[in-house]
Amino acid sequence: MLELLFKSESNLLKHRGVPLLKEREDFLVRKQSEGCQTRELQILASLLLETVNILSLKDKDKSIITLDEILEKSSLFRNQKQIKFFISTTINWLNEIGRLDLRYCDHNLLFNHFSTICHYRIRYITYPMYHERLSYLNYMQSLGMSFNRLREHAEMQLHIIDELGISEKKIIHQHVLDKTIIRLAAYNSLKWMKTFKAVSIKWLSFIGILERSQEQLLRDNDLIIEYINWSKSMKGLSDITLKGRHSRINDFSFFIQDKTDLAHLNISVIDEYIQYRHNAGCCKRTLSLLTTNIREYVKFLNFKGICDICVEGIRHPKEYSLSTLPSAPSWDIVEKLLSFYDTSTIVGKRNTAILALLSIYGLRTSEVTRLKLRDIDWDKRQLCFYHVKNGHVQSLPLSPYVYNLLIDYIVNGRDNKRKVEEVFMTTFMPYKSLTRSCIYKIVSDAYKGLKIPINIKHIGGHSLRHACASNLINNGVSLKEIGDILGHRLQDTTRIYSKIDITNLRKVSQIEWEVML
């Protein structure tokens, strides 16, 4: 086929010397049978040649090429016309040879029914929040939503992501959504704006990331605040625990307030809410936490005489103790993370020090954000901090590596003229201490920047806490000592790390059980 398209020997050698020759020629033959002229076939042949080189395709390699990889490589082309031609041709060819992302041709995938046009189908599949978008649409379909309405909601989800700047699952405050709606109203129709607002509230509430503003007070808001204050005084819960509980009870109350009042609250409504959160993609552990919080809230309502519900009827989902492994990166990956940021810059000095505290000392994200300058004893080279869960104060010796990182950041990077007590602060106005979401972004950006496959469930700060514990146990540190370092109240919390004690597990595997039996 190539001999018919190129007369120059140098051109022929160039095309023949690249992998997947037969696959490329077969594709050109098919295109010729569909009516493509010589000039079109020459352009296609050259593009396929470029595709093989750009994607580093090999003859014996049968690995799947993802749509994200194709989109990333398309940026190498100059204009939109070339980009669209590269994407559509590459997808058609890879699909023909069985190397394309399986999602694109999955007829059971709802996104693939919304459009037959390559460009639009790829948008649905590769846009951020893939699972969150799909779970919502599947749920609405199960409720009987029409196909046209589903497609409208799917398209609107993409606009919501663009306008709110959502690239990952994070809390969206109501006032941010309100400001966005006001801004968009200046140049969009009333009908479009109503749809945008309705889908935003429904979808973001469904996946549990919309935080209502104080203007949208709950009917039972005063009662919830009373319950939170009661929990603090009677049970001594930490502020972080109370904040999480407050958020979960708020979400539960928003769900039930259009269905019933508290006086008529019953088990079936509570079960309906738990099922709703399950459909939104909550795991068993999250559902168990929700159930516990609701049970405690109902006990409080019973005590106040507001309702009369048998709390034993509010059952937890089955959750097996120690059923999962801690999701932690290997220590080699941790070392790569620690060298990811450029420590010649202010941001790099700060971020590397944060990563070191998370991975070497196993601090929680909130413990890093709350760390104050007075908590560091430079003379004794000790780090003093409060464990947020048990409230205990702990002192740990500063290793030379972490000591030097902190000194370098505080002396050469941190703006010490600002009246900020916390060690880690923003590098731009308004100058303030970092939040937990800032720490998450610092860690996740480092993971993503490595551009290597990392088989862990989450890429936030807690994964480095798991890595710290895993490294300690595989270096012979006892569970008791690890629990003390991590600030665990119960040894059962630490026991899960025994499942990744590779050293001792290897010894067990070498025991000659036949002799013992």
Protein backbone atom coordinates (compact mmCIF):
# COMPACT_ATOMS: atom_id res chain seq x y z
CA MET A 1 0.00 0.00 0.00
CA LEU A 2 2.77 2.44 0.90
CA GLU A 3 4.43 1.87 -2.52
CA LEU A 4 1.31 3.32 -4.17
CA LEU A 5 1.39 6.42 -2.01
CA PHE A 6 5.08 7.33 -1.87
CA LYS A 7 7.47 7.17 -4.81
CA SER A 8 10.51 8.45 -2.92
CA GLU A 9 12.68 5.68 -1.49
CA SER A 10 13.55 7.82 1.53
CA ASN A 11 9.85 8.28 2.32
CA LEU A 12 9.22 4.56 2.00
CA LEU A 13 12.13 3.74 4.31
CA LYS A 14 10.85 6.25 6.85
CA HIS A 15 7.38 4.64 6.93
CA ARG A 16 8.64 1.05 6.85
CA GLY A 17 11.15 1.59 9.64
CA VAL A 18 8.46 2.38 12.22
CA PRO A 19 6.56 -0.26 14.29
CA LEU A 20 3.02 -1.48 13.48
CA LEU A 21 3.60 -1.42 9.71
CA LYS A 22 0.96 -4.05 8.91
CA GLU A 23 -1.63 -2.39 11.17
CA ARG A 24 -1.05 0.98 9.49
CA GLU A 25 -1.28 -0.46 5.99
CA ASP A 26 -4.49 -2.36 6.82
CA PHE A 27 -6.05 0.87 8.07
CA LEU A 28 -5.07 2.70 4.85
CA VAL A 29 -6.50 -0.11 2.71
CA ARG A 30 -9.81 0.17 4.55
CA LYS A 31 -9.86 3.92 4.10
CA GLN A 32 -9.16 3.49 0.38
CA SER A 33 -12.11 1.11 0.11
CA GLU A 34 -14.27 3.80 1.74
CA GLY A 35 -13.39 6.24 -1.03
CA CYS A 36 -10.36 8.16 0.27
CA GLN A 37 -8.22 9.67 -2.50
CA THR A 38 -4.43 9.42 -2.80
CA ARG A 39 -3.72 12.79 -1.16
CA GLU A 40 -5.98 11.96 1.81
CA LEU A 41 -4.28 8.58 2.21
CA GLN A 42 -0.84 10.22 2.16
CA ILE A 43 -1.92 12.58 4.96
CA LEU A 44 -3.35 9.66 6.94
CA ALA A 45 -0.16 7.61 6.49
CA SER A 46 1.97 10.51 7.72
CA LEU A 47 -0.32 11.05 10.70
CA LEU A 48 -0.21 7.36 11.65
CA LEU A 49 3.58 7.49 11.44
CA GLU A 50 3.58 10.49 13.78
CA THR A 51 1.09 8.78 16.11
CA VAL A 52 3.33 5.73 16.53
CA ASN A 53 6.28 7.96 17.39
CA ILE A 54 4.35 10.30 19.71
CA LEU A 55 2.72 7.47 21.68
CA SER A 56 5.89 5.31 21.61
CA LEU A 57 3.97 2.31 20.24
CA LYS A 58 5.82 -1.00 19.80
CA ASP A 59 5.09 -4.11 17.74
CA LYS A 60 4.84 -6.64 20.56
CA ASP A 61 3.40 -4.25 23.14
CA LYS A 62 -0.37 -4.76 23.53
CA SER A 63 -0.93 -2.18 26.27
CA ILE A 64 -4.03 -0.01 26.16
CA ILE A 65 -3.69 3.68 25.28
CA THR A 66 -5.94 5.87 27.42
CA LEU A 67 -7.95 8.79 26.11
CA ASP A 68 -6.10 11.07 28.52
CA GLU A 69 -2.79 10.12 26.90
CA ILE A 70 -4.17 10.93 23.45
CA LEU A 71 -5.47 14.31 24.62
CA GLU A 72 -2.15 15.11 26.28
CA LYS A 73 -0.19 14.35 23.09
CA SER A 74 -2.64 16.33 20.94
CA SER A 75 -1.25 19.53 22.49
CA LEU A 76 1.87 18.99 20.33
CA PHE A 77 -0.10 20.10 17.26
CA ARG A 78 -0.43 23.72 16.22
CA ASN A 79 -4.12 24.46 15.72
CA GLN A 80 -7.55 23.09 16.59
CA LYS A 81 -8.08 21.58 13.15
CA GLN A 82 -4.87 19.51 13.42
CA ILE A 83 -5.70 18.54 17.01
CA LYS A 84 -9.19 17.26 16.12
CA PHE A 85 -7.84 15.37 13.10
CA PHE A 86 -5.11 13.73 15.20
CA ILE A 87 -7.56 12.73 17.96
CA SER A 88 -10.27 11.31 15.69
CA THR A 89 -7.83 9.42 13.44
CA THR A 90 -5.80 8.02 16.34
CA ILE A 91 -8.93 6.85 18.14
CA ASN A 92 -10.33 5.14 15.03
CA TRP A 93 -7.06 3.38 14.32
CA LEU A 94 -6.32 2.30 17.91
CA ASN A 95 -9.88 1.03 18.22
CA GLU A 96 -9.42 -1.02 15.05
CA ILE A 97 -6.23 -2.67 16.34
CA GLY A 98 -7.60 -3.24 19.87
CA ARG A 99 -5.34 -0.76 21.69
CA LEU A 100 -7.89 1.92 22.63
CA ASP A 101 -9.24 2.86 26.07
CA LEU A 102 -12.09 0.38 26.65
CA ARG A 103 -14.43 3.05 28.00
CA TYR A 104 -14.77 4.62 24.55
CA CYS A 105 -16.48 1.56 23.07
CA ASP A 106 -18.37 0.41 26.17
CA HIS A 107 -22.02 0.31 25.09
CA ASN A 108 -23.10 -0.03 28.72
CA LEU A 109 -21.49 3.29 29.60
CA LEU A 110 -24.15 5.98 29.76
CA PHE A 111 -21.82 8.70 28.43
CA ASN A 112 -21.42 6.86 25.12
CA HIS A 113 -25.14 7.15 24.38
CA PHE A 114 -25.19 10.94 24.51
CA SER A 115 -23.26 11.53 21.28
CA THR A 116 -21.75 9.64 18.36
CA ILE A 117 -19.33 12.48 17.62
CA CYS A 118 -15.80 11.63 18.75
CA HIS A 119 -15.04 15.06 20.24
CA TYR A 120 -18.12 15.16 22.47
CA ARG A 121 -17.82 11.55 23.58
CA ILE A 122 -14.23 12.12 24.69
CA ARG A 123 -15.27 15.21 26.68
CA TYR A 124 -17.79 13.21 28.68
CA ILE A 125 -15.24 10.49 29.47
CA THR A 126 -12.09 12.53 30.17
CA TYR A 127 -13.48 15.52 32.06
CA PRO A 128 -12.67 15.66 35.80
CA MET A 129 -14.98 14.00 38.36
CA TYR A 130 -15.71 11.05 36.04
CA HIS A 131 -17.06 8.68 38.72
CA GLU A 132 -18.95 11.43 40.55
CA ARG A 133 -20.67 12.53 37.33
CA LEU A 134 -21.50 8.99 36.25
CA SER A 135 -22.87 7.86 39.64
CA TYR A 136 -25.25 10.84 39.72
CA LEU A 137 -26.51 10.21 36.17
CA ASN A 138 -26.99 6.49 36.84
CA TYR A 139 -28.95 7.34 39.98
CA MET A 140 -31.17 9.84 38.12
CA GLN A 141 -31.73 7.25 35.38
CA SER A 142 -32.83 4.72 38.03
CA LEU A 143 -35.43 7.26 39.17
CA GLY A 144 -36.87 7.40 35.65
CA MET A 145 -35.31 10.57 34.25
CA SER A 146 -35.76 10.81 30.47
CA PHE A 147 -32.83 10.39 28.08
CA ASN A 148 -32.95 14.03 26.93
CA ARG A 149 -32.91 15.28 30.52
CA LEU A 150 -29.99 12.97 31.34
CA ARG A 151 -28.04 14.34 28.40
CA GLU A 152 -28.88 17.90 29.48
CA HIS A 153 -27.63 17.19 33.01
CA ALA A 154 -24.46 15.51 31.66
CA GLU A 155 -23.65 18.55 29.53
CA MET A 156 -24.41 20.91 32.41
CA GLN A 157 -22.04 18.98 34.69
CA LEU A 158 -19.18 19.94 32.36
CA HIS A 159 -20.18 23.62 32.56
CA ILE A 160 -20.34 23.38 36.36
CA ILE A 161 -16.81 21.92 36.47
CA ASP A 162 -15.51 24.70 34.22
CA GLU A 163 -17.27 27.59 35.95
CA LEU A 164 -16.51 26.47 39.51
CA GLY A 165 -12.99 25.29 38.68
CA ILE A 166 -13.54 21.79 40.07
CA SER A 167 -10.76 19.34 39.24
CA GLU A 168 -11.24 16.98 42.18
CA LYS A 169 -13.70 16.24 44.97
CA LYS A 170 -13.60 19.22 47.35
CA ILE A 171 -16.07 21.28 49.35
CA ILE A 172 -17.90 23.98 47.37
CA HIS A 173 -19.40 26.71 49.54
CA GLN A 174 -22.87 28.00 48.73
CA HIS A 175 -21.69 31.62 48.49
CA VAL A 176 -19.17 30.59 45.79
CA LEU A 177 -21.97 28.98 43.79
CA ASP A 178 -24.19 32.04 44.29
CA LYS A 179 -21.48 34.42 43.03
CA THR A 180 -20.89 32.20 40.01
CA ILE A 181 -24.61 32.20 39.18
CA ILE A 182 -24.74 36.02 39.41
CA ARG A 183 -21.69 36.30 37.12
CA LEU A 184 -23.11 33.91 34.53
CA ALA A 185 -26.54 35.56 34.56
CA ALA A 186 -25.07 38.59 32.76
CA TYR A 187 -24.63 36.71 29.48
CA ASN A 188 -26.83 33.59 29.61
CA SER A 189 -30.55 33.05 29.16
CA LEU A 190 -32.88 32.70 32.15
CA LYS A 191 -33.73 29.13 31.13
CA TRP A 192 -30.05 28.14 30.96
CA MET A 193 -29.38 29.75 34.34
CA LYS A 194 -32.27 27.91 36.00
CA THR A 195 -30.92 24.61 34.67
CA PHE A 196 -27.36 25.45 35.76
CA LYS A 197 -28.51 26.29 39.30
CA ALA A 198 -30.80 23.27 39.62
CA VAL A 199 -28.23 20.76 38.36
CA SER A 200 -25.45 22.36 40.46
CA ILE A 201 -27.43 22.00 43.69
CA LYS A 202 -28.69 18.49 42.90
CA TRP A 203 -25.37 17.06 41.71
CA LEU A 204 -23.06 18.73 44.25
CA SER A 205 -25.44 17.78 47.07
CA PHE A 206 -25.65 14.21 45.76
CA ILE A 207 -21.88 13.74 45.95
CA GLY A 208 -21.75 15.54 49.30
CA ILE A 209 -19.51 18.51 48.50
CA LEU A 210 -21.95 21.44 48.60
CA GLU A 211 -21.74 23.31 51.90
CA ARG A 212 -24.80 25.50 52.44
CA SER A 213 -24.38 29.07 53.59
CA GLN A 214 -25.69 30.50 56.84
CA GLU A 215 -28.39 32.32 54.87
CA GLN A 216 -29.87 28.93 54.02
CA LEU A 217 -30.48 28.03 57.64
CA LEU A 218 -31.91 24.65 58.39
CA ARG A 219 -35.30 24.39 59.97
CA ASP A 220 -33.65 22.57 62.88
CA ASN A 221 -30.45 24.63 62.88
CA ASP A 222 -30.74 25.82 66.50
CA LEU A 223 -31.38 22.28 67.70
CA ILE A 224 -28.34 20.97 65.80
CA ILE A 225 -26.11 23.64 67.35
CA GLU A 226 -27.47 22.69 70.78
CA TYR A 227 -26.64 19.04 70.04
CA ILE A 228 -23.07 19.91 68.97
CA ASN A 229 -22.52 21.99 72.12
CA TRP A 230 -23.94 19.15 74.21
CA SER A 231 -21.57 16.67 72.52
CA LYS A 232 -18.62 18.93 73.29
CA SER A 233 -19.48 19.43 76.96
CA MET A 234 -20.70 15.90 77.75
CA LYS A 235 -18.35 13.80 75.62
CA GLY A 236 -15.29 16.03 75.32
CA LEU A 237 -15.01 15.58 71.55
CA SER A 238 -12.29 17.49 69.69
CA ASP A 239 -13.15 20.49 67.53
CA ILE A 240 -12.27 18.60 64.34
CA THR A 241 -14.52 15.67 65.31
CA LEU A 242 -17.34 18.09 66.14
CA LYS A 243 -16.90 19.92 62.84
CA GLY A 244 -17.24 16.66 60.89
CA ARG A 245 -20.24 15.58 62.96
CA HIS A 246 -21.90 18.98 62.47
CA SER A 247 -21.46 18.74 58.69
CA ARG A 248 -22.90 15.21 58.53
CA ILE A 249 -25.93 16.04 60.71
CA ASN A 250 -26.54 19.16 58.61
CA ASP A 251 -26.56 17.07 55.44
CA PHE A 252 -28.92 14.55 57.03
CA SER A 253 -31.26 17.34 58.17
CA PHE A 254 -31.33 18.94 54.71
CA PHE A 255 -32.32 15.57 53.29
CA ILE A 256 -35.19 14.93 55.71
CA GLN A 257 -36.63 18.43 56.13
CA ASP A 258 -38.69 18.21 52.93
CA LYS A 259 -39.89 14.72 53.84
CA THR A 260 -40.87 14.93 57.50
CA ASP A 261 -40.36 16.85 60.73
CA LEU A 262 -38.37 15.52 63.67
CA ALA A 263 -41.51 14.62 65.62
CA HIS A 264 -42.47 12.15 62.89
CA LEU A 265 -38.96 10.96 62.02
CA ASN A 266 -38.81 7.17 61.61
CA ILE A 267 -36.42 4.36 60.70
CA SER A 268 -37.58 4.17 57.07
CA VAL A 269 -36.62 7.82 56.42
CA ILE A 270 -33.21 7.22 58.01
CA ASP A 271 -32.73 4.09 55.87
CA GLU A 272 -33.70 6.11 52.79
CA TYR A 273 -30.97 8.64 53.60
CA ILE A 274 -28.34 5.92 54.12
CA GLN A 275 -29.36 4.36 50.79
CA TYR A 276 -29.11 7.79 49.16
CA ARG A 277 -25.53 8.22 50.40
CA HIS A 278 -24.69 4.66 49.33
CA ASN A 279 -25.91 5.46 45.81
CA ALA A 280 -23.71 8.56 45.89
CA GLY A 281 -20.67 6.29 46.19
CA CYS A 282 -19.97 6.32 49.95
CA CYS A 283 -17.92 3.35 51.14
CA LYS A 284 -18.94 1.12 54.06
CA ARG A 285 -16.67 2.94 56.47
CA THR A 286 -18.25 6.30 55.62
CA LEU A 287 -21.75 4.85 55.86
CA SER A 288 -20.88 3.35 59.24
CA LEU A 289 -19.68 6.75 60.46
CA LEU A 290 -22.87 8.40 59.17
CA THR A 291 -25.00 5.79 60.94
CA THR A 292 -23.13 6.29 64.21
CA ASN A 293 -23.60 10.06 64.06
CA ILE A 294 -27.30 9.74 63.26
CA ARG A 295 -27.79 7.27 66.12
CA GLU A 296 -26.16 9.70 68.56
CA TYR A 297 -28.30 12.55 67.23
CA VAL A 298 -31.48 10.48 67.57
CA LYS A 299 -30.51 9.55 71.15
CA PHE A 300 -30.25 13.28 71.87
CA LEU A 301 -33.67 13.89 70.27
CA ASN A 302 -35.17 11.08 72.36
CA PHE A 303 -33.61 12.58 75.50
CA LYS A 304 -35.18 15.95 74.63
CA GLY A 305 -38.57 14.29 74.09
CA ILE A 306 -38.73 15.47 70.47
CA CYS A 307 -39.13 12.00 68.98
CA ASP A 308 -39.31 8.39 70.14
CA ILE A 309 -37.22 6.10 67.93
CA CYS A 310 -35.66 2.79 68.92
CA VAL A 311 -32.00 3.50 68.14
CA GLU A 312 -31.24 -0.24 67.98
CA GLY A 313 -33.20 -0.20 64.72
CA ILE A 314 -30.63 2.13 63.15
CA ARG A 315 -28.18 -0.53 62.03
CA HIS A 316 -24.66 -0.15 60.75
CA PRO A 317 -23.67 -1.68 57.41
CA LYS A 318 -21.58 -4.82 57.79
CA GLU A 319 -17.98 -3.78 58.16
CA TYR A 320 -15.28 -6.32 58.94
CA SER A 321 -12.49 -5.31 61.26
CA LEU A 322 -9.03 -5.25 59.65
CA SER A 323 -10.59 -6.25 56.30
CA THR A 324 -8.42 -3.88 54.28
CA LEU A 325 -4.75 -3.07 53.95
CA PRO A 326 -3.43 0.43 54.73
CA SER A 327 -3.02 2.20 51.40
CA ALA A 328 0.55 3.44 51.55
CA PRO A 329 3.24 4.19 48.96
CA SER A 330 6.56 2.38 49.15
CA TRP A 331 9.41 4.18 50.89
CA ASP A 332 11.15 4.59 47.52
CA ILE A 333 8.15 6.63 46.37
CA VAL A 334 8.26 8.68 49.59
CA GLU A 335 11.91 9.53 48.92
CA LYS A 336 10.97 10.67 45.41
CA LEU A 337 8.18 12.83 46.88
CA LEU A 338 10.64 14.44 49.30
CA SER A 339 12.88 15.44 46.41
CA PHE A 340 10.05 16.58 44.13
CA TYR A 341 9.88 20.27 45.08
CA ASP A 342 12.70 22.68 44.28
CA THR A 343 14.12 23.67 47.68
CA SER A 344 15.82 26.72 46.20
CA THR A 345 12.38 28.40 46.13
CA ILE A 346 10.26 29.55 49.09
CA VAL A 347 7.35 27.30 48.12
CA GLY A 348 9.71 24.35 47.65
CA LYS A 349 11.29 24.85 51.09
CA ARG A 350 7.86 24.97 52.76
CA ASN A 351 6.34 22.06 50.86
CA THR A 352 9.33 19.75 51.39
CA ALA A 353 9.28 20.44 55.14
CA ILE A 354 5.56 19.58 55.20
CA LEU A 355 6.11 16.33 53.30
CA ALA A 356 8.89 15.39 55.72
CA LEU A 357 6.68 15.90 58.80
CA LEU A 358 3.88 13.86 57.23
CA SER A 359 6.06 10.95 56.13
CA ILE A 360 8.85 10.79 58.71
CA TYR A 361 6.82 11.61 61.83
CA GLY A 362 3.43 10.41 60.58
CA LEU A 363 1.66 13.62 61.59
CA ARG A 364 -1.96 14.11 60.63
CA THR A 365 -2.71 16.90 58.17
CA SER A 366 -4.49 18.93 60.86
CA GLU A 367 -1.51 18.51 63.21
CA VAL A 368 0.76 20.02 60.56
CA THR A 369 -1.55 22.99 59.96
CA ARG A 370 -1.82 23.66 63.74
CA LEU A 371 1.93 23.41 64.39
CA LYS A 372 3.15 26.71 65.88
CA LEU A 373 6.59 28.29 66.04
CA ARG A 374 6.64 27.92 69.84
CA ASP A 375 6.12 24.15 69.43
CA ILE A 376 9.70 23.74 68.17
CA ASP A 377 12.48 23.67 70.78
CA TRP A 378 15.52 24.59 68.71
CA ASP A 379 18.02 24.16 71.57
CA LYS A 380 16.89 20.65 72.45
CA ARG A 381 15.98 19.92 68.83
CA GLN A 382 12.55 18.65 69.77
CA LEU A 383 9.14 18.91 68.13
CA CYS A 384 6.17 19.33 70.48
CA PHE A 385 2.60 19.01 69.19
CA TYR A 386 -0.94 18.09 70.19
CA HIS A 387 -2.54 14.95 68.82
CA VAL A 388 -5.95 16.06 67.57
CA LYS A 389 -7.67 12.76 68.34
CA ASN A 390 -6.59 12.06 71.93
CA GLY A 391 -5.56 15.60 72.90
CA HIS A 392 -2.22 14.40 74.30
CA VAL A 393 0.93 16.48 74.01
CA GLN A 394 3.88 14.64 72.50
CA SER A 395 7.54 15.53 72.05
CA LEU A 396 9.71 13.88 69.44
CA PRO A 397 13.38 14.49 68.63
CA LEU A 398 14.02 16.34 65.40
CA SER A 399 16.14 14.35 62.97
CA PRO A 400 18.99 16.33 61.37
CA TYR A 401 17.22 16.11 57.99
CA VAL A 402 13.90 17.55 59.24
CA TYR A 403 15.69 20.05 61.49
CA ASN A 404 17.62 21.45 58.51
CA LEU A 405 14.47 21.61 56.37
CA LEU A 406 12.59 23.56 59.05
CA ILE A 407 15.52 25.91 59.70
CA ASP A 408 15.94 26.57 55.98
CA TYR A 409 12.23 27.32 55.53
CA ILE A 410 11.82 29.52 58.63
CA VAL A 411 15.06 31.49 58.15
CA ASN A 412 15.26 31.69 54.35
CA GLY A 413 11.68 31.22 53.19
CA ARG A 414 9.01 32.16 55.72
CA ASP A 415 7.87 35.80 55.97
CA ASN A 416 8.45 36.21 59.71
CA LYS A 417 7.22 39.83 59.73
CA ARG A 418 3.66 38.57 59.46
CA LYS A 419 1.71 37.98 62.67
CA VAL A 420 1.01 34.33 62.00
CA GLU A 421 1.76 31.90 64.82
CA GLU A 422 1.56 28.74 62.72
CA VAL A 423 4.78 27.49 61.16
CA PHE A 424 3.38 26.97 57.68
CA MET A 425 1.67 29.90 55.99
CA THR A 426 0.69 31.11 52.55
CA THR A 427 3.27 32.85 50.39
CA PHE A 428 0.85 35.51 49.15
CA MET A 429 -1.76 37.88 50.56
CA PRO A 430 -3.80 37.46 52.63
CA TYR A 431 -1.05 35.87 54.71
CA LYS A 432 -2.52 33.15 56.91
CA SER A 433 -1.88 29.61 58.07
CA LEU A 434 -2.36 26.78 55.59
CA THR A 435 -5.60 24.80 55.59
CA ARG A 436 -6.00 21.03 55.32
CA SER A 437 -7.05 21.42 51.68
CA CYS A 438 -3.76 23.26 51.00
CA ILE A 439 -1.83 20.32 52.47
CA TYR A 440 -3.83 17.92 50.31
CA LYS A 441 -2.94 19.90 47.19
CA ILE A 442 0.76 19.99 48.13
CA VAL A 443 0.86 16.21 48.56
CA SER A 444 -1.35 15.35 45.57
CA ASP A 445 0.60 17.66 43.25
CA ALA A 446 3.81 15.88 44.24
CA TYR A 447 2.25 12.47 43.55
CA LYS A 448 0.94 13.60 40.16
CA GLY A 449 4.23 15.29 39.32
CA LEU A 450 6.15 12.03 39.64
CA LYS A 451 4.22 10.70 36.62
CA ILE A 452 4.72 7.10 37.64
CA PRO A 453 2.02 4.51 38.46
CA ILE A 454 1.31 4.46 42.22
CA ASN A 455 -1.13 1.83 43.41
CA ILE A 456 -2.76 3.60 46.36
CA LYS A 457 -6.37 4.60 47.00
CA HIS A 458 -5.77 8.19 48.08
CA ILE A 459 -3.03 10.70 47.34
CA GLY A 460 -3.48 13.01 50.32
CA GLY A 461 -1.46 13.54 53.47
CA HIS A 462 -2.86 10.48 55.26
CA SER A 463 -1.19 8.17 52.74
CA LEU A 464 2.17 9.43 54.03
CA ARG A 465 1.07 8.69 57.61
CA HIS A 466 0.42 5.11 56.47
CA ALA A 467 3.83 5.10 54.76
CA CYS A 468 5.48 6.20 58.02
CA ALA A 469 3.84 3.36 59.98
CA SER A 470 4.64 0.81 57.26
CA ASN A 471 8.28 1.87 57.20
CA LEU A 472 8.56 1.69 61.00
CA ILE A 473 7.02 -1.77 61.30
CA ASN A 474 9.21 -3.15 58.53
CA ASN A 475 12.24 -1.82 60.37
CA GLY A 476 11.42 -3.75 63.53
CA VAL A 477 9.57 -1.10 65.57
CA SER A 478 6.89 -2.63 67.80
CA LEU A 479 3.17 -1.92 67.39
CA LYS A 480 3.12 -0.30 70.85
CA GLU A 481 5.86 2.15 69.87
CA ILE A 482 4.20 2.90 66.53
CA GLY A 483 0.88 3.55 68.27
CA ASP A 484 2.60 5.97 70.65
CA ILE A 485 4.28 7.82 67.79
CA LEU A 486 1.07 8.10 65.77
CA GLY A 487 -1.01 9.05 68.80
CA HIS A 488 -3.41 6.10 68.69
CA ARG A 489 -5.63 5.73 71.75
CA LEU A 490 -6.23 2.02 71.16
CA GLN A 491 -3.71 -0.62 70.10
CA ASP A 492 -6.38 -2.13 67.84
CA THR A 493 -6.02 0.96 65.64
CA THR A 494 -2.34 0.18 65.13
CA ARG A 495 -2.81 -3.57 64.69
CA ILE A 496 -3.85 -3.23 61.04
CA TYR A 497 -0.21 -2.45 60.19
CA SER A 498 0.77 -5.97 61.25
CA LYS A 499 -0.75 -7.09 57.93
CA ILE A 500 2.06 -5.31 56.08
CA ASP A 501 4.89 -6.42 58.39
CA ILE A 502 6.76 -7.95 55.46
CA THR A 503 9.77 -9.01 57.55
CA ASN A 504 7.81 -11.12 60.04
CA LEU A 505 5.28 -12.32 57.47
CA ARG A 506 8.19 -13.65 55.42
CA LYS A 507 9.46 -15.53 58.50
CA VAL A 508 6.02 -17.08 58.99
CA SER A 509 5.94 -18.21 55.37
CA GLN A 510 9.26 -20.03 55.87
CA ILE A 511 8.04 -22.13 58.83
CA GLU A 512 7.90 -25.86 58.07
CA TRP A 513 4.33 -26.41 59.20
CA GLU A 514 4.39 -30.13 58.30
CA VAL A 515 7.01 -30.76 60.99
CA MET A 516 5.01 -28.86 63.60
CA LEU A 517 1.81 -30.71 62.76
